[in-house]
Amino acid sequence: MVSVALPKTAQIGVVALLHIEQLWGKNIIISDRITKDVQARTHRRKRTNKKWLKRYGIKTVPDNTRIFIVDDCVFMTEKTYQKVKCILGRSD
């Protein structure tokens, strides 16, 4: 159910500690540095979409689908934390 992936070194080195909590003995660190790159504008046709990628480029958005586990810390975004909290039935 939970996606675990290795973080990029640039993202892990510049983590903003916004909120720390305990979950199964691990520290939860809410970070806004977990991001992914998506195309700024998309088109339904492949040829036009390729041109739009070149013209408009990519943008960085928060990745609300990933959870990184490093040693005794769990890194996730605020939205992911809310989803996990809802699934576990915790109220804070």
PDB file of N, CA and C in Angstrom:
ATOM      1  N   MET A   1       0.806  -1.192   0.000  1.00  0.00           N
ATOM      2  CA  MET A   1       0.000   0.000   0.000  1.00  0.00           C
ATOM      3  C   MET A   1       0.851   1.258   0.000  1.00  0.00           C
ATOM      4  N   VAL A   2       1.981   1.238   0.679  1.00  0.00           N
ATOM      5  CA  VAL A   2       2.815   2.423   0.791  1.00  0.00           C
ATOM      6  C   VAL A   2       3.985   2.304  -0.174  1.00  0.00           C
ATOM      7  N   SER A   3       4.188   3.306  -0.991  1.00  0.00           N
ATOM      8  CA  SER A   3       5.285   3.319  -1.945  1.00  0.00           C
ATOM      9  C   SER A   3       6.560   3.767  -1.248  1.00  0.00           C
ATOM     10  N   VAL A   4       7.589   2.945  -1.331  1.00  0.00           N
ATOM     11  CA  VAL A   4       8.867   3.289  -0.726  1.00  0.00           C
ATOM     12  C   VAL A   4       9.895   3.367  -1.834  1.00  0.00           C
ATOM     13  N   ALA A   5      10.577   4.478  -1.938  1.00  0.00           N
ATOM     14  CA  ALA A   5      11.587   4.670  -2.974  1.00  0.00           C
ATOM     15  C   ALA A   5      12.784   5.381  -2.368  1.00  0.00           C
ATOM     16  N   LEU A   6      13.918   5.245  -3.027  1.00  0.00           N
ATOM     17  CA  LEU A   6      15.118   5.926  -2.557  1.00  0.00           C
ATOM     18  C   LEU A   6      15.079   7.381  -2.973  1.00  0.00           C
ATOM     19  N   PRO A   7      15.372   8.303  -2.075  1.00  0.00           N
ATOM     20  CA  PRO A   7      15.305   9.728  -2.400  1.00  0.00           C
ATOM     21  C   PRO A   7      16.522  10.192  -3.192  1.00  0.00           C
ATOM     22  N   LYS A   8      16.340  11.271  -3.927  1.00  0.00           N
ATOM     23  CA  LYS A   8      17.468  11.921  -4.585  1.00  0.00           C
ATOM     24  C   LYS A   8      18.299  12.610  -3.513  1.00  0.00           C
ATOM     25  N   THR A   9      19.617  12.610  -3.688  1.00  0.00           N
ATOM     26  CA  THR A   9      20.486  13.182  -2.657  1.00  0.00           C
ATOM     27  C   THR A   9      20.242  14.671  -2.481  1.00  0.00           C
ATOM     28  N   ALA A  10      19.902  15.375  -3.553  1.00  0.00           N
ATOM     29  CA  ALA A  10      19.653  16.812  -3.454  1.00  0.00           C
ATOM     30  C   ALA A  10      18.418  17.085  -2.607  1.00  0.00           C
ATOM     31  N   GLN A  11      17.392  16.226  -2.736  1.00  0.00           N
ATOM     32  CA  GLN A  11      16.168  16.440  -1.979  1.00  0.00           C
ATOM     33  C   GLN A  11      16.372  16.129  -0.501  1.00  0.00           C
ATOM     34  N   ILE A  12      17.130  15.085  -0.204  1.00  0.00           N
ATOM     35  CA  ILE A  12      17.285  14.681   1.182  1.00  0.00           C
ATOM     36  C   ILE A  12      18.191  15.648   1.941  1.00  0.00           C
ATOM     37  N   GLY A  13      19.112  16.327   1.258  1.00  0.00           N
ATOM     38  CA  GLY A  13      20.037  17.222   1.924  1.00  0.00           C
ATOM     39  C   GLY A  13      19.416  18.549   2.313  1.00  0.00           C
ATOM     40  N   VAL A  14      18.303  18.929   1.696  1.00  0.00           N
ATOM     41  CA  VAL A  14      17.731  20.255   1.921  1.00  0.00           C
ATOM     42  C   VAL A  14      16.320  20.144   2.481  1.00  0.00           C
ATOM     43  N   VAL A  15      16.084  19.172   3.322  1.00  0.00           N
ATOM     44  CA  VAL A  15      14.733  18.931   3.835  1.00  0.00           C
ATOM     45  C   VAL A  15      14.357  20.011   4.838  1.00  0.00           C
ATOM     46  N   ALA A  16      13.159  20.536   4.664  1.00  0.00           N
ATOM     47  CA  ALA A  16      12.643  21.530   5.602  1.00  0.00           C
ATOM     48  C   ALA A  16      11.842  20.790   6.668  1.00  0.00           C
ATOM     49  N   LEU A  17      12.261  20.899   7.911  1.00  0.00           N
ATOM     50  CA  LEU A  17      11.562  20.216   8.990  1.00  0.00           C
ATOM     51  C   LEU A  17      10.398  21.080   9.443  1.00  0.00           C
ATOM     52  N   LEU A  18       9.210  20.671   9.073  1.00  0.00           N
ATOM     53  CA  LEU A  18       8.031  21.448   9.425  1.00  0.00           C
ATOM     54  C   LEU A  18       7.309  20.865  10.635  1.00  0.00           C
ATOM     55  N   HIS A  19       7.307  19.537  10.733  1.00  0.00           N
ATOM     56  CA  HIS A  19       6.523  18.908  11.779  1.00  0.00           C
ATOM     57  C   HIS A  19       7.108  17.518  12.023  1.00  0.00           C
ATOM     58  N   ILE A  20       7.307  17.147  13.276  1.00  0.00           N
ATOM     59  CA  ILE A  20       7.848  15.829  13.601  1.00  0.00           C
ATOM     60  C   ILE A  20       6.885  15.134  14.546  1.00  0.00           C
ATOM     61  N   GLU A  21       6.592  13.854  14.239  1.00  0.00           N
ATOM     62  CA  GLU A  21       5.685  13.064  15.052  1.00  0.00           C
ATOM     63  C   GLU A  21       6.173  11.620  15.030  1.00  0.00           C
ATOM     64  N   GLN A  22       5.643  10.788  15.908  1.00  0.00           N
ATOM     65  CA  GLN A  22       6.055   9.384  15.976  1.00  0.00           C
ATOM     66  C   GLN A  22       5.039   8.486  15.270  1.00  0.00           C
ATOM     67  N   LEU A  23       5.531   7.491  14.525  1.00  0.00           N
ATOM     68  CA  LEU A  23       4.691   6.482  13.890  1.00  0.00           C
ATOM     69  C   LEU A  23       5.466   5.183  13.907  1.00  0.00           C
ATOM     70  N   TRP A  24       4.992   4.190  14.640  1.00  0.00           N
ATOM     71  CA  TRP A  24       5.651   2.883  14.750  1.00  0.00           C
ATOM     72  C   TRP A  24       7.119   3.027  15.161  1.00  0.00           C
ATOM     73  N   GLY A  25       7.399   3.973  16.042  1.00  0.00           N
ATOM     74  CA  GLY A  25       8.754   4.152  16.519  1.00  0.00           C
ATOM     75  C   GLY A  25       9.652   4.926  15.577  1.00  0.00           C
ATOM     76  N   LYS A  26       9.120   5.440  14.476  1.00  0.00           N
ATOM     77  CA  LYS A  26       9.894   6.229  13.515  1.00  0.00           C
ATOM     78  C   LYS A  26       9.410   7.672  13.544  1.00  0.00           C
ATOM     79  N   ASN A  27      10.311   8.594  13.322  1.00  0.00           N
ATOM     80  CA  ASN A  27       9.943  10.012  13.286  1.00  0.00           C
ATOM     81  C   ASN A  27       9.351  10.349  11.931  1.00  0.00           C
ATOM     82  N   ILE A  28       8.194  10.990  11.921  1.00  0.00           N
ATOM     83  CA  ILE A  28       7.590  11.471  10.681  1.00  0.00           C
ATOM     84  C   ILE A  28       8.057  12.906  10.484  1.00  0.00           C
ATOM     85  N   ILE A  29       8.641  13.178   9.337  1.00  0.00           N
ATOM     86  CA  ILE A  29       9.087  14.530   9.021  1.00  0.00           C
ATOM     87  C   ILE A  29       8.305  15.009   7.810  1.00  0.00           C
ATOM     88  N   ILE A  30       7.481  16.029   8.020  1.00  0.00           N
ATOM     89  CA  ILE A  30       6.680  16.605   6.946  1.00  0.00           C
ATOM     90  C   ILE A  30       7.570  17.583   6.196  1.00  0.00           C
ATOM     91  N   SER A  31       7.729  17.356   4.893  1.00  0.00           N
ATOM     92  CA  SER A  31       8.647  18.162   4.098  1.00  0.00           C
ATOM     93  C   SER A  31       7.961  18.632   2.825  1.00  0.00           C
ATOM     94  N   ASP A  32       8.312  19.831   2.397  1.00  0.00           N
ATOM     95  CA  ASP A  32       7.788  20.329   1.122  1.00  0.00           C
ATOM     96  C   ASP A  32       8.805  20.126   0.003  1.00  0.00           C
ATOM     97  N   ARG A  33       9.885  19.431   0.288  1.00  0.00           N
ATOM     98  CA  ARG A  33      10.949  19.211  -0.700  1.00  0.00           C
ATOM     99  C   ARG A  33      10.778  17.927  -1.503  1.00  0.00           C
ATOM    100  N   ILE A  34       9.746  17.139  -1.224  1.00  0.00           N
ATOM    101  CA  ILE A  34       9.493  15.927  -1.999  1.00  0.00           C
ATOM    102  C   ILE A  34       8.668  16.348  -3.208  1.00  0.00           C
ATOM    103  N   THR A  35       9.309  16.393  -4.362  1.00  0.00           N
ATOM    104  CA  THR A  35       8.663  16.923  -5.558  1.00  0.00           C
ATOM    105  C   THR A  35       8.848  15.986  -6.737  1.00  0.00           C
ATOM    106  N   LYS A  36       8.094  16.265  -7.794  1.00  0.00           N
ATOM    107  CA  LYS A  36       8.264  15.567  -9.062  1.00  0.00           C
ATOM    108  C   LYS A  36       8.113  16.588 -10.180  1.00  0.00           C
ATOM    109  N   ASP A  37       8.653  16.270 -11.334  1.00  0.00           N
ATOM    110  CA  ASP A  37       8.578  17.158 -12.494  1.00  0.00           C
ATOM    111  C   ASP A  37       7.473  16.672 -13.425  1.00  0.00           C
ATOM    112  N   VAL A  38       6.593  17.581 -13.832  1.00  0.00           N
ATOM    113  CA  VAL A  38       5.523  17.265 -14.782  1.00  0.00           C
ATOM    114  C   VAL A  38       5.547  18.291 -15.905  1.00  0.00           C
ATOM    115  N   GLN A  39       5.013  17.897 -17.027  1.00  0.00           N
ATOM    116  CA  GLN A  39       4.961  18.802 -18.171  1.00  0.00           C
ATOM    117  C   GLN A  39       4.011  19.952 -17.860  1.00  0.00           C
ATOM    118  N   ALA A  40       4.433  21.193 -18.185  1.00  0.00           N
ATOM    119  CA  ALA A  40       3.653  22.385 -17.843  1.00  0.00           C
ATOM    120  C   ALA A  40       2.302  22.408 -18.571  1.00  0.00           C
ATOM    121  N   ARG A  41       2.303  22.089 -19.847  1.00  0.00           N
ATOM    122  CA  ARG A  41       1.058  22.005 -20.613  1.00  0.00           C
ATOM    123  C   ARG A  41       1.090  20.734 -21.430  1.00  0.00           C
ATOM    124  N   THR A  42      -0.030  20.066 -21.532  1.00  0.00           N
ATOM    125  CA  THR A  42      -0.084  18.825 -22.316  1.00  0.00           C
ATOM    126  C   THR A  42      -1.128  18.940 -23.419  1.00  0.00           C
ATOM    127  N   HIS A  43      -0.927  18.137 -24.449  1.00  0.00           N
ATOM    128  CA  HIS A  43      -1.839  18.079 -25.581  1.00  0.00           C
ATOM    129  C   HIS A  43      -2.131  16.619 -25.869  1.00  0.00           C
ATOM    130  N   ARG A  44      -3.294  16.327 -26.421  1.00  0.00           N
ATOM    131  CA  ARG A  44      -3.672  14.937 -26.641  1.00  0.00           C
ATOM    132  C   ARG A  44      -2.888  14.272 -27.777  1.00  0.00           C
ATOM    133  N   ARG A  45      -2.401  15.066 -28.735  1.00  0.00           N
ATOM    134  CA  ARG A  45      -1.633  14.511 -29.849  1.00  0.00           C
ATOM    135  C   ARG A  45      -0.154  14.457 -29.483  1.00  0.00           C
ATOM    136  N   LYS A  46       0.485  13.322 -29.821  1.00  0.00           N
ATOM    137  CA  LYS A  46       1.882  13.110 -29.432  1.00  0.00           C
ATOM    138  C   LYS A  46       2.816  14.149 -30.048  1.00  0.00           C
ATOM    139  N   ARG A  47       2.614  14.442 -31.325  1.00  0.00           N
ATOM    140  CA  ARG A  47       3.502  15.376 -32.025  1.00  0.00           C
ATOM    141  C   ARG A  47       3.402  16.789 -31.418  1.00  0.00           C
ATOM    142  N   THR A  48       2.185  17.234 -31.186  1.00  0.00           N
ATOM    143  CA  THR A  48       1.963  18.553 -30.598  1.00  0.00           C
ATOM    144  C   THR A  48       2.454  18.585 -29.156  1.00  0.00           C
ATOM    145  N   ASN A  49       2.250  17.474 -28.445  1.00  0.00           N
ATOM    146  CA  ASN A  49       2.690  17.399 -27.065  1.00  0.00           C
ATOM    147  C   ASN A  49       4.206  17.545 -26.958  1.00  0.00           C
ATOM    148  N   LYS A  50       4.931  16.934 -27.894  1.00  0.00           N
ATOM    149  CA  LYS A  50       6.391  17.063 -27.912  1.00  0.00           C
ATOM    150  C   LYS A  50       6.811  18.514 -28.123  1.00  0.00           C
ATOM    151  N   LYS A  51       6.114  19.208 -28.995  1.00  0.00           N
ATOM    152  CA  LYS A  51       6.431  20.614 -29.259  1.00  0.00           C
ATOM    153  C   LYS A  51       6.112  21.483 -28.047  1.00  0.00           C
ATOM    154  N   TRP A  52       5.000  21.185 -27.392  1.00  0.00           N
ATOM    155  CA  TRP A  52       4.630  21.937 -26.202  1.00  0.00           C
ATOM    156  C   TRP A  52       5.619  21.698 -25.070  1.00  0.00           C
ATOM    157  N   LEU A  53       6.149  20.483 -24.971  1.00  0.00           N
ATOM    158  CA  LEU A  53       7.161  20.201 -23.957  1.00  0.00           C
ATOM    159  C   LEU A  53       8.391  21.070 -24.174  1.00  0.00           C
ATOM    160  N   LYS A  54       8.794  21.203 -25.438  1.00  0.00           N
ATOM    161  CA  LYS A  54       9.956  22.029 -25.763  1.00  0.00           C
ATOM    162  C   LYS A  54       9.660  23.512 -25.505  1.00  0.00           C
ATOM    163  N   ARG A  55       8.444  23.926 -25.836  1.00  0.00           N
ATOM    164  CA  ARG A  55       8.093  25.342 -25.725  1.00  0.00           C
ATOM    165  C   ARG A  55       7.806  25.782 -24.287  1.00  0.00           C
ATOM    166  N   TYR A  56       6.984  24.997 -23.553  1.00  0.00           N
ATOM    167  CA  TYR A  56       6.555  25.400 -22.217  1.00  0.00           C
ATOM    168  C   TYR A  56       7.359  24.750 -21.098  1.00  0.00           C
ATOM    169  N   GLY A  57       8.068  23.662 -21.402  1.00  0.00           N
ATOM    170  CA  GLY A  57       8.943  23.036 -20.419  1.00  0.00           C
ATOM    171  C   GLY A  57       8.201  22.236 -19.358  1.00  0.00           C
ATOM    172  N   ILE A  58       8.858  22.084 -18.213  1.00  0.00           N
ATOM    173  CA  ILE A  58       8.300  21.310 -17.110  1.00  0.00           C
ATOM    174  C   ILE A  58       8.175  22.195 -15.872  1.00  0.00           C
ATOM    175  N   LYS A  59       7.331  21.755 -14.949  1.00  0.00           N
ATOM    176  CA  LYS A  59       7.201  22.464 -13.678  1.00  0.00           C
ATOM    177  C   LYS A  59       7.340  21.443 -12.547  1.00  0.00           C
ATOM    178  N   THR A  60       7.699  21.926 -11.394  1.00  0.00           N
ATOM    179  CA  THR A  60       7.889  21.082 -10.227  1.00  0.00           C
ATOM    180  C   THR A  60       6.670  21.194  -9.324  1.00  0.00           C
ATOM    181  N   VAL A  61       6.089  20.037  -8.978  1.00  0.00           N
ATOM    182  CA  VAL A  61       4.914  19.995  -8.114  1.00  0.00           C
ATOM    183  C   VAL A  61       5.189  19.050  -6.946  1.00  0.00           C
ATOM    184  N   PRO A  62       4.485  19.207  -5.819  1.00  0.00           N
ATOM    185  CA  PRO A  62       4.676  18.279  -4.697  1.00  0.00           C
ATOM    186  C   PRO A  62       4.267  16.865  -5.090  1.00  0.00           C
ATOM    187  N   ASP A  63       5.064  15.879  -4.675  1.00  0.00           N
ATOM    188  CA  ASP A  63       4.765  14.480  -4.971  1.00  0.00           C
ATOM    189  C   ASP A  63       4.056  13.877  -3.766  1.00  0.00           C
ATOM    190  N   ASN A  64       2.741  13.786  -3.861  1.00  0.00           N
ATOM    191  CA  ASN A  64       1.934  13.287  -2.754  1.00  0.00           C
ATOM    192  C   ASN A  64       1.761  11.777  -2.793  1.00  0.00           C
ATOM    193  N   THR A  65       2.537  11.099  -3.612  1.00  0.00           N
ATOM    194  CA  THR A  65       2.410   9.651  -3.731  1.00  0.00           C
ATOM    195  C   THR A  65       3.591   8.913  -3.128  1.00  0.00           C
ATOM    196  N   ARG A  66       4.595   9.628  -2.651  1.00  0.00           N
ATOM    197  CA  ARG A  66       5.808   8.972  -2.166  1.00  0.00           C
ATOM    198  C   ARG A  66       6.020   9.175  -0.683  1.00  0.00           C
ATOM    199  N   ILE A  67       6.574   8.129  -0.088  1.00  0.00           N
ATOM    200  CA  ILE A  67       7.014   8.173   1.299  1.00  0.00           C
ATOM    201  C   ILE A  67       8.434   7.632   1.307  1.00  0.00           C
ATOM    202  N   PHE A  68       9.372   8.396   1.848  1.00  0.00           N
ATOM    203  CA  PHE A  68      10.763   7.975   1.922  1.00  0.00           C
ATOM    204  C   PHE A  68      11.077   7.550   3.347  1.00  0.00           C
ATOM    205  N   ILE A  69      11.666   6.364   3.479  1.00  0.00           N
ATOM    206  CA  ILE A  69      12.076   5.876   4.784  1.00  0.00           C
ATOM    207  C   ILE A  69      13.594   5.841   4.806  1.00  0.00           C
ATOM    208  N   VAL A  70      14.197   6.652   5.667  1.00  0.00           N
ATOM    209  CA  VAL A  70      15.645   6.731   5.801  1.00  0.00           C
ATOM    210  C   VAL A  70      15.978   6.541   7.275  1.00  0.00           C
ATOM    211  N   ASP A  71      16.684   5.464   7.591  1.00  0.00           N
ATOM    212  CA  ASP A  71      17.045   5.107   8.970  1.00  0.00           C
ATOM    213  C   ASP A  71      15.795   5.084   9.849  1.00  0.00           C
ATOM    214  N   ASP A  72      15.689   5.994  10.798  1.00  0.00           N
ATOM    215  CA  ASP A  72      14.525   5.999  11.689  1.00  0.00           C
ATOM    216  C   ASP A  72      13.593   7.168  11.394  1.00  0.00           C
ATOM    217  N   CYS A  73      13.684   7.720  10.185  1.00  0.00           N
ATOM    218  CA  CYS A  73      12.837   8.848   9.795  1.00  0.00           C
ATOM    219  C   CYS A  73      11.967   8.484   8.601  1.00  0.00           C
ATOM    220  N   VAL A  74      10.757   9.009   8.591  1.00  0.00           N
ATOM    221  CA  VAL A  74       9.830   8.835   7.474  1.00  0.00           C
ATOM    222  C   VAL A  74       9.536  10.221   6.924  1.00  0.00           C
ATOM    223  N   PHE A  75       9.886  10.457   5.657  1.00  0.00           N
ATOM    224  CA  PHE A  75       9.679  11.753   5.013  1.00  0.00           C
ATOM    225  C   PHE A  75       8.448  11.681   4.127  1.00  0.00           C
ATOM    226  N   MET A  76       7.562  12.676   4.253  1.00  0.00           N
ATOM    227  CA  MET A  76       6.366  12.749   3.408  1.00  0.00           C
ATOM    228  C   MET A  76       5.863  14.179   3.370  1.00  0.00           C
ATOM    229  N   THR A  77       4.966  14.460   2.405  1.00  0.00           N
ATOM    230  CA  THR A  77       4.371  15.786   2.303  1.00  0.00           C
ATOM    231  C   THR A  77       3.177  15.881   3.259  1.00  0.00           C
ATOM    232  N   GLU A  78       2.682  17.087   3.435  1.00  0.00           N
ATOM    233  CA  GLU A  78       1.546  17.317   4.338  1.00  0.00           C
ATOM    234  C   GLU A  78       0.306  16.555   3.876  1.00  0.00           C
ATOM    235  N   LYS A  79       0.046  16.560   2.568  1.00  0.00           N
ATOM    236  CA  LYS A  79      -1.129  15.882   2.025  1.00  0.00           C
ATOM    237  C   LYS A  79      -1.033  14.373   2.234  1.00  0.00           C
ATOM    238  N   THR A  80       0.162  13.807   2.027  1.00  0.00           N
ATOM    239  CA  THR A  80       0.374  12.383   2.253  1.00  0.00           C
ATOM    240  C   THR A  80       0.176  12.051   3.721  1.00  0.00           C
ATOM    241  N   TYR A  81       0.658  12.916   4.601  1.00  0.00           N
ATOM    242  CA  TYR A  81       0.492  12.709   6.039  1.00  0.00           C
ATOM    243  C   TYR A  81      -0.985  12.670   6.411  1.00  0.00           C
ATOM    244  N   GLN A  82      -1.779  13.572   5.825  1.00  0.00           N
ATOM    245  CA  GLN A  82      -3.219  13.588   6.104  1.00  0.00           C
ATOM    246  C   GLN A  82      -3.883  12.288   5.639  1.00  0.00           C
ATOM    247  N   LYS A  83      -3.447  11.762   4.471  1.00  0.00           N
ATOM    248  CA  LYS A  83      -4.007  10.504   3.964  1.00  0.00           C
ATOM    249  C   LYS A  83      -3.647   9.342   4.885  1.00  0.00           C
ATOM    250  N   VAL A  84      -2.397   9.272   5.305  1.00  0.00           N
ATOM    251  CA  VAL A  84      -1.955   8.199   6.203  1.00  0.00           C
ATOM    252  C   VAL A  84      -2.680   8.280   7.521  1.00  0.00           C
ATOM    253  N   LYS A  85      -2.832   9.493   8.036  1.00  0.00           N
ATOM    254  CA  LYS A  85      -3.529   9.701   9.302  1.00  0.00           C
ATOM    255  C   LYS A  85      -4.990   9.257   9.191  1.00  0.00           C
ATOM    256  N   CYS A  86      -5.617   9.524   8.052  1.00  0.00           N
ATOM    257  CA  CYS A  86      -7.011   9.130   7.837  1.00  0.00           C
ATOM    258  C   CYS A  86      -7.135   7.614   7.748  1.00  0.00           C
ATOM    259  N   ILE A  87      -6.183   6.967   7.064  1.00  0.00           N
ATOM    260  CA  ILE A  87      -6.211   5.497   6.916  1.00  0.00           C
ATOM    261  C   ILE A  87      -6.010   4.830   8.277  1.00  0.00           C
ATOM    262  N   LEU A  88      -5.095   5.360   9.077  1.00  0.00           N
ATOM    263  CA  LEU A  88      -4.819   4.779  10.385  1.00  0.00           C
ATOM    264  C   LEU A  88      -5.879   5.136  11.428  1.00  0.00           C
ATOM    265  N   GLY A  89      -6.736   6.103  11.116  1.00  0.00           N
ATOM    266  CA  GLY A  89      -7.794   6.506  12.029  1.00  0.00           C
ATOM    267  C   GLY A  89      -7.321   7.316  13.207  1.00  0.00           C
ATOM    268  N   ARG A  90      -6.226   8.051  13.031  1.00  0.00           N
ATOM    269  CA  ARG A  90      -5.688   8.881  14.106  1.00  0.00           C
ATOM    270  C   ARG A  90      -6.284  10.272  14.013  1.00  0.00           C
ATOM    271  N   SER A  91      -6.503  10.889  15.136  1.00  0.00           N
ATOM    272  CA  SER A  91      -6.958  12.289  15.143  1.00  0.00           C
ATOM    273  C   SER A  91      -6.027  13.093  16.030  1.00  0.00           C
ATOM    274  N   ASP A  92      -5.394  14.119  15.454  1.00  0.00           N
ATOM    275  CA  ASP A  92      -4.459  14.980  16.196  1.00  0.00           C
ATOM    276  C   ASP A  92      -4.968  16.395  16.223  1.00  0.00           C
TER     277      ASP A  92
END
